Amino acid sequence: MKDINFEKIGQKLKKIRISKGLTQEYIANMVDVNTSHISNIENNRVKVSLSTLLQICNALGVTVDYVLSDEYTEASSALDHEILSELQGCSDRTKEQILQIIRVLR
């Protein structure tokens, strides 16, 4: 069994946070930890606990599966689930546009 890559997890959390325009301070407040702890997780200075990871994912609006998808041998199912989850909040018009984009990209 391979070890969990906490560096990749931290990088993914940071990438998601930045893509959503959120600060480390905002996430820290939502999770009730110090801003430095979020920085330490993102920069692989500490290993994130399961309970903290769950709280961070809730604050970011993503699933733990998505964040950990690189750790799975079959990662595509977690990605599929995350895509479907994001689509649920879209209007029919937006869904149609996304479908057209997918067809062009294939």
C-alpha atoms as a PDB file:
ATOM      1  CA  MET A   1       0.000   0.000   0.000  1.00  0.00           C
ATOM      2  CA  LYS A   2       1.374   3.393  -0.946  1.00  0.00           C
ATOM      3  CA  ASP A   3       1.644   6.251   1.527  1.00  0.00           C
ATOM      4  CA  ILE A   4      -0.823   9.113   1.373  1.00  0.00           C
ATOM      5  CA  ASN A   5       0.668  12.059  -0.498  1.00  0.00           C
ATOM      6  CA  PHE A   6      -0.101  14.919   1.890  1.00  0.00           C
ATOM      7  CA  GLU A   7       1.862  17.326  -0.305  1.00  0.00           C
ATOM      8  CA  LYS A   8      -0.536  16.732  -3.225  1.00  0.00           C
ATOM      9  CA  ILE A   9      -3.534  17.066  -0.927  1.00  0.00           C
ATOM     10  CA  GLY A  10      -2.274  20.409   0.375  1.00  0.00           C
ATOM     11  CA  GLN A  11      -1.559  21.639  -3.144  1.00  0.00           C
ATOM     12  CA  LYS A  12      -5.025  20.628  -4.299  1.00  0.00           C
ATOM     13  CA  LEU A  13      -6.681  22.384  -1.364  1.00  0.00           C
ATOM     14  CA  LYS A  14      -4.693  25.542  -2.122  1.00  0.00           C
ATOM     15  CA  LYS A  15      -5.556  25.395  -5.825  1.00  0.00           C
ATOM     16  CA  ILE A  16      -9.271  25.008  -5.053  1.00  0.00           C
ATOM     17  CA  ARG A  17      -9.174  27.810  -2.468  1.00  0.00           C
ATOM     18  CA  ILE A  18      -7.469  30.210  -4.853  1.00  0.00           C
ATOM     19  CA  SER A  19      -9.772  29.281  -7.758  1.00  0.00           C
ATOM     20  CA  LYS A  20     -12.748  30.202  -5.574  1.00  0.00           C
ATOM     21  CA  GLY A  21     -11.153  33.497  -4.545  1.00  0.00           C
ATOM     22  CA  LEU A  22     -10.992  32.548  -0.868  1.00  0.00           C
ATOM     23  CA  THR A  23      -8.273  33.501   1.594  1.00  0.00           C
ATOM     24  CA  GLN A  24      -6.503  31.286   4.076  1.00  0.00           C
ATOM     25  CA  GLU A  25      -7.979  33.500   6.770  1.00  0.00           C
ATOM     26  CA  TYR A  26     -11.523  32.814   5.543  1.00  0.00           C
ATOM     27  CA  ILE A  27     -10.946  29.038   5.540  1.00  0.00           C
ATOM     28  CA  ALA A  28      -9.279  29.197   8.960  1.00  0.00           C
ATOM     29  CA  ASN A  29     -12.291  31.046  10.385  1.00  0.00           C
ATOM     30  CA  MET A  30     -14.706  28.531   8.856  1.00  0.00           C
ATOM     31  CA  VAL A  31     -12.704  25.608  10.262  1.00  0.00           C
ATOM     32  CA  ASP A  32     -11.919  27.327  13.584  1.00  0.00           C
ATOM     33  CA  VAL A  33      -8.136  27.000  13.303  1.00  0.00           C
ATOM     34  CA  ASN A  34      -5.286  29.511  12.945  1.00  0.00           C
ATOM     35  CA  THR A  35      -4.459  30.885   9.511  1.00  0.00           C
ATOM     36  CA  SER A  36      -0.941  29.487   9.961  1.00  0.00           C
ATOM     37  CA  HIS A  37      -2.417  25.991  10.270  1.00  0.00           C
ATOM     38  CA  ILE A  38      -4.094  26.321   6.857  1.00  0.00           C
ATOM     39  CA  SER A  39      -0.786  27.559   5.434  1.00  0.00           C
ATOM     40  CA  ASN A  40       1.040  24.626   7.019  1.00  0.00           C
ATOM     41  CA  ILE A  41      -1.428  22.161   5.484  1.00  0.00           C
ATOM     42  CA  GLU A  42      -1.192  23.754   2.043  1.00  0.00           C
ATOM     43  CA  ASN A  43       2.615  23.786   2.173  1.00  0.00           C
ATOM     44  CA  ASN A  44       2.996  20.258   3.587  1.00  0.00           C
ATOM     45  CA  ARG A  45       4.496  21.319   6.900  1.00  0.00           C
ATOM     46  CA  VAL A  46       1.826  19.332   8.780  1.00  0.00           C
ATOM     47  CA  LYS A  47      -0.378  16.395   7.862  1.00  0.00           C
ATOM     48  CA  VAL A  48      -4.038  17.338   7.768  1.00  0.00           C
ATOM     49  CA  SER A  49      -6.270  15.321  10.080  1.00  0.00           C
ATOM     50  CA  LEU A  50      -9.402  13.698   8.701  1.00  0.00           C
ATOM     51  CA  SER A  51     -11.722  15.932  10.716  1.00  0.00           C
ATOM     52  CA  THR A  52      -9.904  19.096   9.604  1.00  0.00           C
ATOM     53  CA  LEU A  53      -9.868  17.902   5.991  1.00  0.00           C
ATOM     54  CA  LEU A  54     -13.619  17.365   6.133  1.00  0.00           C
ATOM     55  CA  GLN A  55     -14.178  20.850   7.558  1.00  0.00           C
ATOM     56  CA  ILE A  56     -11.905  22.431   4.933  1.00  0.00           C
ATOM     57  CA  CYS A  57     -13.737  20.595   2.148  1.00  0.00           C
ATOM     58  CA  ASN A  58     -17.073  21.816   3.516  1.00  0.00           C
ATOM     59  CA  ALA A  59     -15.736  25.380   3.620  1.00  0.00           C
ATOM     60  CA  LEU A  60     -14.489  25.045   0.035  1.00  0.00           C
ATOM     61  CA  GLY A  61     -17.710  23.431  -1.166  1.00  0.00           C
ATOM     62  CA  VAL A  62     -16.001  20.300  -2.511  1.00  0.00           C
ATOM     63  CA  THR A  63     -16.111  16.656  -1.544  1.00  0.00           C
ATOM     64  CA  VAL A  64     -13.373  14.834   0.315  1.00  0.00           C
ATOM     65  CA  ASP A  65     -13.472  12.307  -2.549  1.00  0.00           C
ATOM     66  CA  TYR A  66     -12.488  15.006  -5.002  1.00  0.00           C
ATOM     67  CA  VAL A  67      -9.593  16.225  -2.872  1.00  0.00           C
ATOM     68  CA  LEU A  68      -8.363  12.667  -2.308  1.00  0.00           C
ATOM     69  CA  SER A  69      -9.029  11.472  -5.869  1.00  0.00           C
ATOM     70  CA  ASP A  70      -5.303  11.275  -6.689  1.00  0.00           C
ATOM     71  CA  GLU A  71      -4.950   8.750  -3.875  1.00  0.00           C
ATOM     72  CA  TYR A  72      -7.420   6.293  -5.432  1.00  0.00           C
ATOM     73  CA  THR A  73      -6.468   3.672  -7.957  1.00  0.00           C
ATOM     74  CA  GLU A  74      -9.708   4.547  -9.793  1.00  0.00           C
ATOM     75  CA  ALA A  75      -9.798   8.328  -9.473  1.00  0.00           C
ATOM     76  CA  SER A  76     -12.234   9.023 -12.311  1.00  0.00           C
ATOM     77  CA  SER A  77     -15.312   8.097 -10.266  1.00  0.00           C
ATOM     78  CA  ALA A  78     -14.522  10.824  -7.694  1.00  0.00           C
ATOM     79  CA  LEU A  79     -14.009  13.335 -10.494  1.00  0.00           C
ATOM     80  CA  ASP A  80     -17.266  12.269 -12.166  1.00  0.00           C
ATOM     81  CA  HIS A  81     -19.097  12.755  -8.880  1.00  0.00           C
ATOM     82  CA  GLU A  82     -17.592  16.221  -8.377  1.00  0.00           C
ATOM     83  CA  ILE A  83     -18.575  17.273 -11.910  1.00  0.00           C
ATOM     84  CA  LEU A  84     -22.142  16.057 -11.364  1.00  0.00           C
ATOM     85  CA  SER A  85     -22.278  17.869  -8.035  1.00  0.00           C
ATOM     86  CA  GLU A  86     -21.233  21.145  -9.657  1.00  0.00           C
ATOM     87  CA  LEU A  87     -23.742  20.688 -12.488  1.00  0.00           C
ATOM     88  CA  GLN A  88     -26.662  20.454 -10.076  1.00  0.00           C
ATOM     89  CA  GLY A  89     -26.373  24.142  -9.286  1.00  0.00           C
ATOM     90  CA  CYS A  90     -26.314  25.216 -12.936  1.00  0.00           C
ATOM     91  CA  SER A  91     -29.222  26.490 -14.992  1.00  0.00           C
ATOM     92  CA  ASP A  92     -30.421  24.431 -17.961  1.00  0.00           C
ATOM     93  CA  ARG A  93     -28.874  26.974 -20.295  1.00  0.00           C
ATOM     94  CA  THR A  94     -25.491  26.658 -18.591  1.00  0.00           C
ATOM     95  CA  LYS A  95     -25.739  22.863 -18.657  1.00  0.00           C
ATOM     96  CA  GLU A  96     -26.407  23.005 -22.403  1.00  0.00           C
ATOM     97  CA  GLN A  97     -23.333  25.208 -22.909  1.00  0.00           C
ATOM     98  CA  ILE A  98     -21.206  22.825 -20.829  1.00  0.00           C
ATOM     99  CA  LEU A  99     -22.450  19.884 -22.891  1.00  0.00           C
ATOM    100  CA  GLN A 100     -21.449  21.674 -26.089  1.00  0.00           C
ATOM    101  CA  ILE A 101     -17.984  22.366 -24.670  1.00  0.00           C
ATOM    102  CA  ILE A 102     -17.549  18.714 -23.692  1.00  0.00           C
ATOM    103  CA  ARG A 103     -18.503  17.604 -27.193  1.00  0.00           C
ATOM    104  CA  VAL A 104     -15.980  19.992 -28.731  1.00  0.00           C
ATOM    105  CA  LEU A 105     -13.213  18.813 -26.390  1.00  0.00           C
ATOM    106  CA  ARG A 106     -13.704  15.135 -27.192  1.00  0.00           C
END
